[in-house]
Amino acid sequence: MPVPGYSNRDVGDVTSWQVSGLTPATTYYYRVKAYNDAGTSSSSNITAVTTSKIAQDISFDPIEDKIYGDVDFVLVASASSGLPVSFTTSADSIATVNGTTVSIVGAGMVTITAIQHGDALYDTAAPVAQEVMVSPKELTVSGAMAENKVYDGTMDASVSGAVLNGVVAPDDVSVVEDENGVFGQ
């Protein structure tokens, strides 16, 4: 690829010269001639030089800690190149990623990483990782009724009507009503 303004250019009495206006990730071929009062040399062998790809970085919006059962949320990140950013998860048992959408599927610590692999002009960006703590969902029991009890020297009681609140679908969790309970002291 010819660079405008450099064909047969006399750069003067120098030992190096910086060429500007080059396209990233492109191979250029050159040869040089030297001259002095004694005359001009023949052209050097052709040398190939490939310019570097353009560096890029990722900007990744912070992710707040979550609670198991929270609704899906969207990740927001961009690359300075304008190329699309993709995401990975360190633990599919805690959070899954589909495109830019994250689904919380369990409790624990998970790392979500934003990545951009570059292309013909842009180099791979350094990945940006964020740790997210997913806390367990709190479950409560309501409606449990202990029947009136005549004191008989024990702490046993009959319990009924208990309902478990806060179960996350599709988890299969229930209160087993064996109709026995214990009065506290």
C-alpha atoms as a PDB file:
ATOM      1  CA  MET A   1       0.000   0.000   0.000  1.00  0.00           C
ATOM      2  CA  PRO A   2       1.650   3.265  -1.066  1.00  0.00           C
ATOM      3  CA  VAL A   3       1.868   6.069   1.470  1.00  0.00           C
ATOM      4  CA  PRO A   4       1.228   9.439  -0.176  1.00  0.00           C
ATOM      5  CA  GLY A   5       4.214  11.788  -0.121  1.00  0.00           C
ATOM      6  CA  TYR A   6       6.901   9.183   0.568  1.00  0.00           C
ATOM      7  CA  SER A   7       7.824   7.886  -2.889  1.00  0.00           C
ATOM      8  CA  ASN A   8      11.432   8.975  -3.619  1.00  0.00           C
ATOM      9  CA  ARG A   9      11.308  11.319  -0.620  1.00  0.00           C
ATOM     10  CA  ASP A  10      14.556  12.939   0.516  1.00  0.00           C
ATOM     11  CA  VAL A  11      14.467  13.047   4.334  1.00  0.00           C
ATOM     12  CA  GLY A  12      17.822  14.762   4.733  1.00  0.00           C
ATOM     13  CA  ASP A  13      20.791  13.875   6.927  1.00  0.00           C
ATOM     14  CA  VAL A  14      19.106  11.504   9.431  1.00  0.00           C
ATOM     15  CA  THR A  15      19.594   7.983  10.783  1.00  0.00           C
ATOM     16  CA  SER A  16      15.849   7.355  11.307  1.00  0.00           C
ATOM     17  CA  TRP A  17      12.542   8.737  10.094  1.00  0.00           C
ATOM     18  CA  GLN A  18       9.021   8.394  11.460  1.00  0.00           C
ATOM     19  CA  VAL A  19       6.352   7.794   8.851  1.00  0.00           C
ATOM     20  CA  SER A  20       2.863   9.041   9.715  1.00  0.00           C
ATOM     21  CA  GLY A  21      -0.546   8.433   8.175  1.00  0.00           C
ATOM     22  CA  LEU A  22      -0.281   4.644   8.260  1.00  0.00           C
ATOM     23  CA  THR A  23      -3.292   2.369   8.637  1.00  0.00           C
ATOM     24  CA  PRO A  24      -3.338   0.041  11.684  1.00  0.00           C
ATOM     25  CA  ALA A  25      -2.820  -3.692  11.123  1.00  0.00           C
ATOM     26  CA  THR A  26      -1.482  -3.134   7.603  1.00  0.00           C
ATOM     27  CA  THR A  27       1.714  -4.417   6.024  1.00  0.00           C
ATOM     28  CA  TYR A  28       3.891  -1.873   4.244  1.00  0.00           C
ATOM     29  CA  TYR A  29       6.982  -2.542   2.103  1.00  0.00           C
ATOM     30  CA  TYR A  30       9.921  -0.178   1.814  1.00  0.00           C
ATOM     31  CA  ARG A  31      13.476   0.201   0.612  1.00  0.00           C
ATOM     32  CA  VAL A  32      15.931   2.975   1.136  1.00  0.00           C
ATOM     33  CA  LYS A  33      18.839   4.608  -0.657  1.00  0.00           C
ATOM     34  CA  ALA A  34      21.752   6.412   0.885  1.00  0.00           C
ATOM     35  CA  TYR A  35      23.618   9.264  -0.723  1.00  0.00           C
ATOM     36  CA  ASN A  36      26.571  11.524  -0.025  1.00  0.00           C
ATOM     37  CA  ASP A  37      29.109  13.540  -1.982  1.00  0.00           C
ATOM     38  CA  ALA A  38      30.437  10.333  -3.557  1.00  0.00           C
ATOM     39  CA  GLY A  39      27.052   9.454  -5.032  1.00  0.00           C
ATOM     40  CA  THR A  40      23.900   7.472  -4.419  1.00  0.00           C
ATOM     41  CA  SER A  41      23.709   3.830  -3.369  1.00  0.00           C
ATOM     42  CA  SER A  42      21.450   1.320  -4.997  1.00  0.00           C
ATOM     43  CA  SER A  43      18.124   0.570  -3.281  1.00  0.00           C
ATOM     44  CA  SER A  44      18.134  -1.737  -0.286  1.00  0.00           C
ATOM     45  CA  ASN A  45      16.283  -5.049  -0.275  1.00  0.00           C
ATOM     46  CA  ILE A  46      12.542  -4.716   0.229  1.00  0.00           C
ATOM     47  CA  THR A  47      11.605  -4.853   3.907  1.00  0.00           C
ATOM     48  CA  ALA A  48       8.099  -5.532   5.198  1.00  0.00           C
ATOM     49  CA  VAL A  49       6.718  -3.819   8.294  1.00  0.00           C
ATOM     50  CA  THR A  50       3.252  -4.421   9.742  1.00  0.00           C
ATOM     51  CA  THR A  51       1.681  -1.711  11.842  1.00  0.00           C
ATOM     52  CA  SER A  52       0.129  -2.650  15.193  1.00  0.00           C
ATOM     53  CA  LYS A  53      -3.571  -3.040  15.815  1.00  0.00           C
ATOM     54  CA  ILE A  54      -5.332  -0.248  17.681  1.00  0.00           C
ATOM     55  CA  ALA A  55      -5.563  -0.752  21.444  1.00  0.00           C
ATOM     56  CA  GLN A  56      -9.014  -0.699  23.019  1.00  0.00           C
ATOM     57  CA  ASP A  57     -10.492  -0.844  26.503  1.00  0.00           C
ATOM     58  CA  ILE A  58     -13.813  -1.799  28.066  1.00  0.00           C
ATOM     59  CA  SER A  59     -16.067   0.329  30.233  1.00  0.00           C
ATOM     60  CA  PHE A  60     -18.320  -1.915  32.392  1.00  0.00           C
ATOM     61  CA  ASP A  61     -21.099  -0.415  34.552  1.00  0.00           C
ATOM     62  CA  PRO A  62     -21.046  -1.624  38.184  1.00  0.00           C
ATOM     63  CA  ILE A  63     -23.258  -4.548  39.205  1.00  0.00           C
ATOM     64  CA  GLU A  64     -24.945  -4.429  42.606  1.00  0.00           C
ATOM     65  CA  ASP A  65     -25.061  -7.515  44.806  1.00  0.00           C
ATOM     66  CA  LYS A  66     -28.200  -9.608  44.310  1.00  0.00           C
ATOM     67  CA  ILE A  67     -30.575 -11.871  46.218  1.00  0.00           C
ATOM     68  CA  TYR A  68     -31.504 -15.302  44.913  1.00  0.00           C
ATOM     69  CA  GLY A  69     -34.864 -14.838  43.207  1.00  0.00           C
ATOM     70  CA  ASP A  70     -34.171 -11.305  41.929  1.00  0.00           C
ATOM     71  CA  VAL A  71     -35.474 -10.607  38.429  1.00  0.00           C
ATOM     72  CA  ASP A  72     -33.175 -10.879  35.413  1.00  0.00           C
ATOM     73  CA  PHE A  73     -31.032  -7.816  34.778  1.00  0.00           C
ATOM     74  CA  VAL A  74     -29.158  -6.327  31.819  1.00  0.00           C
ATOM     75  CA  LEU A  75     -25.388  -5.795  31.737  1.00  0.00           C
ATOM     76  CA  VAL A  76     -24.100  -2.518  30.293  1.00  0.00           C
ATOM     77  CA  ALA A  77     -20.598  -2.331  28.835  1.00  0.00           C
ATOM     78  CA  SER A  78     -18.926  -0.767  25.823  1.00  0.00           C
ATOM     79  CA  ALA A  79     -15.573  -1.003  24.080  1.00  0.00           C
ATOM     80  CA  SER A  80     -13.670   2.129  23.072  1.00  0.00           C
ATOM     81  CA  SER A  81     -13.488   0.613  19.571  1.00  0.00           C
ATOM     82  CA  GLY A  82     -17.279   0.535  19.257  1.00  0.00           C
ATOM     83  CA  LEU A  83     -17.129  -3.243  18.755  1.00  0.00           C
ATOM     84  CA  PRO A  84     -19.685  -5.342  20.682  1.00  0.00           C
ATOM     85  CA  VAL A  85     -18.824  -6.599  24.164  1.00  0.00           C
ATOM     86  CA  SER A  86     -19.740 -10.113  25.310  1.00  0.00           C
ATOM     87  CA  PHE A  87     -19.986 -11.558  28.809  1.00  0.00           C
ATOM     88  CA  THR A  88     -19.110 -14.746  30.679  1.00  0.00           C
ATOM     89  CA  THR A  89     -19.942 -16.092  34.121  1.00  0.00           C
ATOM     90  CA  SER A  90     -17.655 -18.005  36.459  1.00  0.00           C
ATOM     91  CA  ALA A  91     -20.497 -20.144  37.858  1.00  0.00           C
ATOM     92  CA  ASP A  92     -23.528 -21.191  35.807  1.00  0.00           C
ATOM     93  CA  SER A  93     -24.960 -22.627  39.027  1.00  0.00           C
ATOM     94  CA  ILE A  94     -25.267 -19.085  40.431  1.00  0.00           C
ATOM     95  CA  ALA A  95     -25.786 -16.815  37.399  1.00  0.00           C
ATOM     96  CA  THR A  96     -26.312 -17.524  33.711  1.00  0.00           C
ATOM     97  CA  VAL A  97     -25.620 -15.045  30.914  1.00  0.00           C
ATOM     98  CA  ASN A  98     -27.580 -14.922  27.660  1.00  0.00           C
ATOM     99  CA  GLY A  99     -26.327 -12.032  25.520  1.00  0.00           C
ATOM    100  CA  THR A 100     -26.466  -9.095  27.935  1.00  0.00           C
ATOM    101  CA  THR A 101     -29.109 -10.590  30.242  1.00  0.00           C
ATOM    102  CA  VAL A 102     -28.173 -12.233  33.543  1.00  0.00           C
ATOM    103  CA  SER A 103     -30.453 -14.689  35.354  1.00  0.00           C
ATOM    104  CA  ILE A 104     -29.786 -15.447  39.018  1.00  0.00           C
ATOM    105  CA  VAL A 105     -30.212 -19.212  39.532  1.00  0.00           C
ATOM    106  CA  GLY A 106     -28.492 -19.830  42.871  1.00  0.00           C
ATOM    107  CA  ALA A 107     -26.755 -18.229  45.840  1.00  0.00           C
ATOM    108  CA  GLY A 108     -23.016 -17.609  46.251  1.00  0.00           C
ATOM    109  CA  MET A 109     -20.182 -15.532  44.763  1.00  0.00           C
ATOM    110  CA  VAL A 110     -19.970 -15.233  40.973  1.00  0.00           C
ATOM    111  CA  THR A 111     -17.706 -13.273  38.641  1.00  0.00           C
ATOM    112  CA  ILE A 112     -19.177 -11.667  35.523  1.00  0.00           C
ATOM    113  CA  THR A 113     -16.524 -10.783  32.936  1.00  0.00           C
ATOM    114  CA  ALA A 114     -16.858  -8.384  29.987  1.00  0.00           C
ATOM    115  CA  ILE A 115     -14.726  -9.341  26.977  1.00  0.00           C
ATOM    116  CA  GLN A 116     -13.986  -7.952  23.499  1.00  0.00           C
ATOM    117  CA  HIS A 117     -11.746 -10.050  21.230  1.00  0.00           C
ATOM    118  CA  GLY A 118     -10.913  -7.363  18.685  1.00  0.00           C
ATOM    119  CA  ASP A 119     -10.988  -7.659  14.915  1.00  0.00           C
ATOM    120  CA  ALA A 120      -8.750  -6.962  11.932  1.00  0.00           C
ATOM    121  CA  LEU A 121      -7.995  -3.391  13.146  1.00  0.00           C
ATOM    122  CA  TYR A 122      -8.468  -3.578  16.937  1.00  0.00           C
ATOM    123  CA  ASP A 123      -6.460  -5.608  19.403  1.00  0.00           C
ATOM    124  CA  THR A 124      -8.142  -7.728  22.104  1.00  0.00           C
ATOM    125  CA  ALA A 125      -9.222  -5.591  25.061  1.00  0.00           C
ATOM    126  CA  ALA A 126      -8.199  -6.490  28.604  1.00  0.00           C
ATOM    127  CA  PRO A 127     -11.164  -8.291  30.192  1.00  0.00           C
ATOM    128  CA  VAL A 128     -13.033  -6.463  32.968  1.00  0.00           C
ATOM    129  CA  ALA A 129     -14.379  -8.660  35.783  1.00  0.00           C
ATOM    130  CA  GLN A 130     -16.858  -7.871  38.543  1.00  0.00           C
ATOM    131  CA  GLU A 131     -17.644 -10.049  41.544  1.00  0.00           C
ATOM    132  CA  VAL A 132     -21.296 -10.266  42.522  1.00  0.00           C
ATOM    133  CA  MET A 133     -22.497 -11.715  45.824  1.00  0.00           C
ATOM    134  CA  VAL A 134     -25.863 -13.450  45.483  1.00  0.00           C
ATOM    135  CA  SER A 135     -27.399 -13.857  48.932  1.00  0.00           C
ATOM    136  CA  PRO A 136     -29.861 -16.639  49.767  1.00  0.00           C
ATOM    137  CA  LYS A 137     -33.549 -15.758  49.643  1.00  0.00           C
ATOM    138  CA  GLU A 138     -35.123 -15.498  53.089  1.00  0.00           C
ATOM    139  CA  LEU A 139     -38.061 -17.839  53.587  1.00  0.00           C
ATOM    140  CA  THR A 140     -40.767 -17.270  56.162  1.00  0.00           C
ATOM    141  CA  VAL A 141     -43.519 -19.428  57.576  1.00  0.00           C
ATOM    142  CA  SER A 142     -46.959 -17.953  58.095  1.00  0.00           C
ATOM    143  CA  GLY A 143     -50.314 -19.275  59.234  1.00  0.00           C
ATOM    144  CA  ALA A 144     -48.882 -21.850  61.637  1.00  0.00           C
ATOM    145  CA  MET A 145     -51.366 -22.417  64.439  1.00  0.00           C
ATOM    146  CA  ALA A 146     -50.663 -24.280  67.655  1.00  0.00           C
ATOM    147  CA  GLU A 147     -53.792 -25.754  69.199  1.00  0.00           C
ATOM    148  CA  ASN A 148     -54.668 -24.926  72.778  1.00  0.00           C
ATOM    149  CA  LYS A 149     -52.946 -27.354  75.044  1.00  0.00           C
ATOM    150  CA  VAL A 150     -53.739 -28.594  78.432  1.00  0.00           C
ATOM    151  CA  TYR A 151     -50.575 -28.720  80.498  1.00  0.00           C
ATOM    152  CA  ASP A 152     -49.481 -32.307  80.697  1.00  0.00           C
ATOM    153  CA  GLY A 153     -45.838 -31.887  81.751  1.00  0.00           C
ATOM    154  CA  THR A 154     -44.494 -32.031  78.132  1.00  0.00           C
ATOM    155  CA  MET A 155     -43.651 -29.368  75.583  1.00  0.00           C
ATOM    156  CA  ASP A 156     -45.365 -31.189  72.666  1.00  0.00           C
ATOM    157  CA  ALA A 157     -48.137 -29.381  70.759  1.00  0.00           C
ATOM    158  CA  SER A 158     -50.259 -29.872  67.635  1.00  0.00           C
ATOM    159  CA  VAL A 159     -49.443 -27.413  64.802  1.00  0.00           C
ATOM    160  CA  SER A 160     -51.396 -26.888  61.551  1.00  0.00           C
ATOM    161  CA  GLY A 161     -51.932 -24.430  58.658  1.00  0.00           C
ATOM    162  CA  ALA A 162     -48.270 -23.534  58.016  1.00  0.00           C
ATOM    163  CA  VAL A 163     -47.489 -21.837  54.668  1.00  0.00           C
ATOM    164  CA  LEU A 164     -43.948 -21.235  53.341  1.00  0.00           C
ATOM    165  CA  ASN A 165     -43.476 -17.757  51.785  1.00  0.00           C
ATOM    166  CA  GLY A 166     -40.697 -16.591  49.436  1.00  0.00           C
ATOM    167  CA  VAL A 167     -40.010 -19.820  47.538  1.00  0.00           C
ATOM    168  CA  VAL A 168     -38.341 -19.132  44.181  1.00  0.00           C
ATOM    169  CA  ALA A 169     -39.749 -21.058  41.208  1.00  0.00           C
ATOM    170  CA  PRO A 170     -38.887 -23.755  40.159  1.00  0.00           C
ATOM    171  CA  ASP A 171     -37.510 -24.726  43.606  1.00  0.00           C
ATOM    172  CA  ASP A 172     -39.514 -27.475  45.275  1.00  0.00           C
ATOM    173  CA  VAL A 173     -39.622 -26.492  48.949  1.00  0.00           C
ATOM    174  CA  SER A 174     -42.491 -27.105  51.353  1.00  0.00           C
ATOM    175  CA  VAL A 175     -43.384 -27.246  55.015  1.00  0.00           C
ATOM    176  CA  VAL A 176     -43.911 -30.799  56.189  1.00  0.00           C
ATOM    177  CA  GLU A 177     -46.856 -30.767  58.525  1.00  0.00           C
ATOM    178  CA  ASP A 178     -46.506 -33.706  60.812  1.00  0.00           C
ATOM    179  CA  GLU A 179     -48.781 -31.898  63.225  1.00  0.00           C
ATOM    180  CA  ASN A 180     -46.171 -31.954  65.981  1.00  0.00           C
ATOM    181  CA  GLY A 181     -44.410 -29.002  67.494  1.00  0.00           C
ATOM    182  CA  VAL A 182     -42.576 -28.085  70.648  1.00  0.00           C
ATOM    183  CA  PHE A 183     -43.356 -25.195  72.967  1.00  0.00           C
ATOM    184  CA  GLY A 184     -40.273 -23.217  73.877  1.00  0.00           C
ATOM    185  CA  GLN A 185     -39.203 -22.761  77.439  1.00  0.00           C
END
